[in-house]
Amino acid sequence: MTKVAIVGGGPGGYEAALVAAQLGAEATLIERDGAGGACVLADCVPSKTLIATAETMHSLEQAPDLGLRLDRDDDPAKPVGVDNARVNRRVKDLALAQSADIATRVTDAGVELIRDTGRVLGPGRVEVGGREIAADVVLVAVGAQPRRLPGAEVDGERILDWRQVYDLPEQPEELVVVGSGVTGAEFASGYLGLGSTVTLVSSRDRVLPHEDPDAAAVLESVFARRGMNVVGKARAESVERTSDGVSVHLVDGRTVEGSHCLLAVGSVPATGGIGLAGAGVRLDDSGFVEVDRVSRTSVPGVYAAGDCTGVHMLASVAAMQGRIAMWHALGEAVEPLRLSTVAANVFTDPEIASVGVTQAMVDSGQVDAQQVMLPLATNARAKMQEVHEGFVKVFCRTGTGVVLGGVVAAPRASELILTLSVAVRCGLTVGQVAHTFSIYPSLTGSITEAARRLMTPLD
C-alpha cells in the first residue's frame, strides 16, 4: 500500500488526505492546531463568520426602508446593538465545530490524524513527536501567517493582527485598519457594519488595488456613504500605544488616532523551521515553496500545496492543489492547475467576485474581448432587497463569443459568480449562457441579460 504523509491540515492538506484515502493509500495528516489548520480555526472561517454577523446587522438596520420596526427601548435611534463577547464566542465555537467536522470526515475515511508539528527530514521521511514516518509521498501544506510591520509591536490588546481580534473583550470603538488589500478591506467592512468607527489606511490611491477598478470604486463609494474614512496614498511607518488607544504614524508625517489598530499588511509563508531547506526543497526569496502546476517541488516525491506556495492564496486553490498533488502522485489522470479558471471573492459588503480575464488585460490589449457591464440598480430583485450599488460585468472573446471572464459586485457575489465560473471553465459562449433559464426575479438574471447583450446575430 502506498503511504502518504501530509504536513499541514488546512484545505490543501485535508483535501489531499481525503483523495489519498479514496485512492486506497495509507494517509497520515499532521497538523499542530487541529483539523482545518489556521484557515478554519483562525483565518478564513472566523473572519467570514464575523462578516456574516455584520451583514445581518446591516440588513436589520435597513428594516425601516422595508417598512419594518425594530426599535430598542434604550436607544431608538440605533435599532440593533452588538454584544461583542457573544459575537466572538460564536465565531470561535463555529470554527471549532467546523474543525471537528473535518476531523471526523478524515478519520472516518481512514486517515491517521496527528495533532503535532511535522518536519520534513528528506524524500519519504517525516518526523513528528520524535517518531519518524516513512512515506512514499510527502505533501507540505503548512500555510502562511500574518506579516509583521516593523515599528508596530503586536500585543493582542490594542495593536492586533487579524487572528487576535476574536479575543477582544469589547468591540473596537475607533478601529484603524492598516492595509487596503483583501484582508484589510474585509475587516474594515465588517467592523464598519458592526458599528465601529473605521479608518482604513491605504498605501495605494484606492482600496483593493489588485481587484477590478469598477468594483473597487463601488466599494469605496459604499464605504464613504457609511462613514468610513479612507486615507489613501499613505504608508504606515509605525504604530504605538497611547494612554487610551493607538497612534498610527504615517511616512508623510501625519498621525491617525484610534482605540485599536488592526494590521493587515499581507502574509508570509510558514515554511521556517520544518526542515525544508535541509531536505533540498527549493524556496524562493520570500520563503514560498516553488512548485509546478501539478504541485511538485524540486525534490522527487515531495509535493506542496496552499498558501505556503504563494500561488493564488485562496482556500479553494489550496484544496485543488492538494487534490492535484495526490491524483498525480498516485497515478491518476490529472489536469494541471489552470489559474485562468480560478474564481476569487472579497467578502466585503457588497462582495466582489471575479473569474477569468481582468479589465486590465482587456484595456491593455493583452486580450481581445468585448464587455458589458449592467448596474444592479435596474434589477427587480435588487430593488426588492434595497440593493442600490453593484453590477455584473461579462467579458467574451471578440468573434467567437466565448465567455472569458466576469466580475460581480453585489450581495452574495460569491454565490452568483458560479455561473460565470462554469462558463469560463467549460468554454461556453454568451449565446449558450443567454439561452439558459434564470429565475425571475433574481440577481442571476443580470448575468443572462449581460450575455444577451453580447450576443451576435449568429447566436
Foldseek 3Di string as FASTA:
>chain_A
DAEEEEFAQALLQLLLLLLCLVLPYAYEYEAQPFHNHCCLQFNVQLLVLLLVVLVVLLLVVCQVVLVDAQADPVDRVRSDADQLLVSLVVSNVRSVVVRVVSVVVSVVSVYHYHNFGKFDQAFQWIDTPNDIGGGLFYEYEHAWDADDAPQEDDDLAFEHERRSPSVYNDQWQEEEEEEQALVSQSVQQSSLSNPHAYEYEYLAQFHRPPAAPVLRVLSVVVCVVSHHHYHYNWHFRHKDADPQHIWTATPVGDIDTGRHYYYRPDIAAPQPPRHCVVRVFDADPRQAGDADQLQDTPHPNYGYFANSNVDPRDSVRRNVSSSSNSCVSVPHDHDGDDQQLDKDWRSGVQIKIKHFDGPVCCVVVVAAWDKDKAFCCPQPVCVSSVNRGWIKMWIAHPPPQFTGMIMTGGHPVVVLCVLSSVSNVVRHGLVVLLPDDDDPRDPNVRVSVRSVVVDDPVD
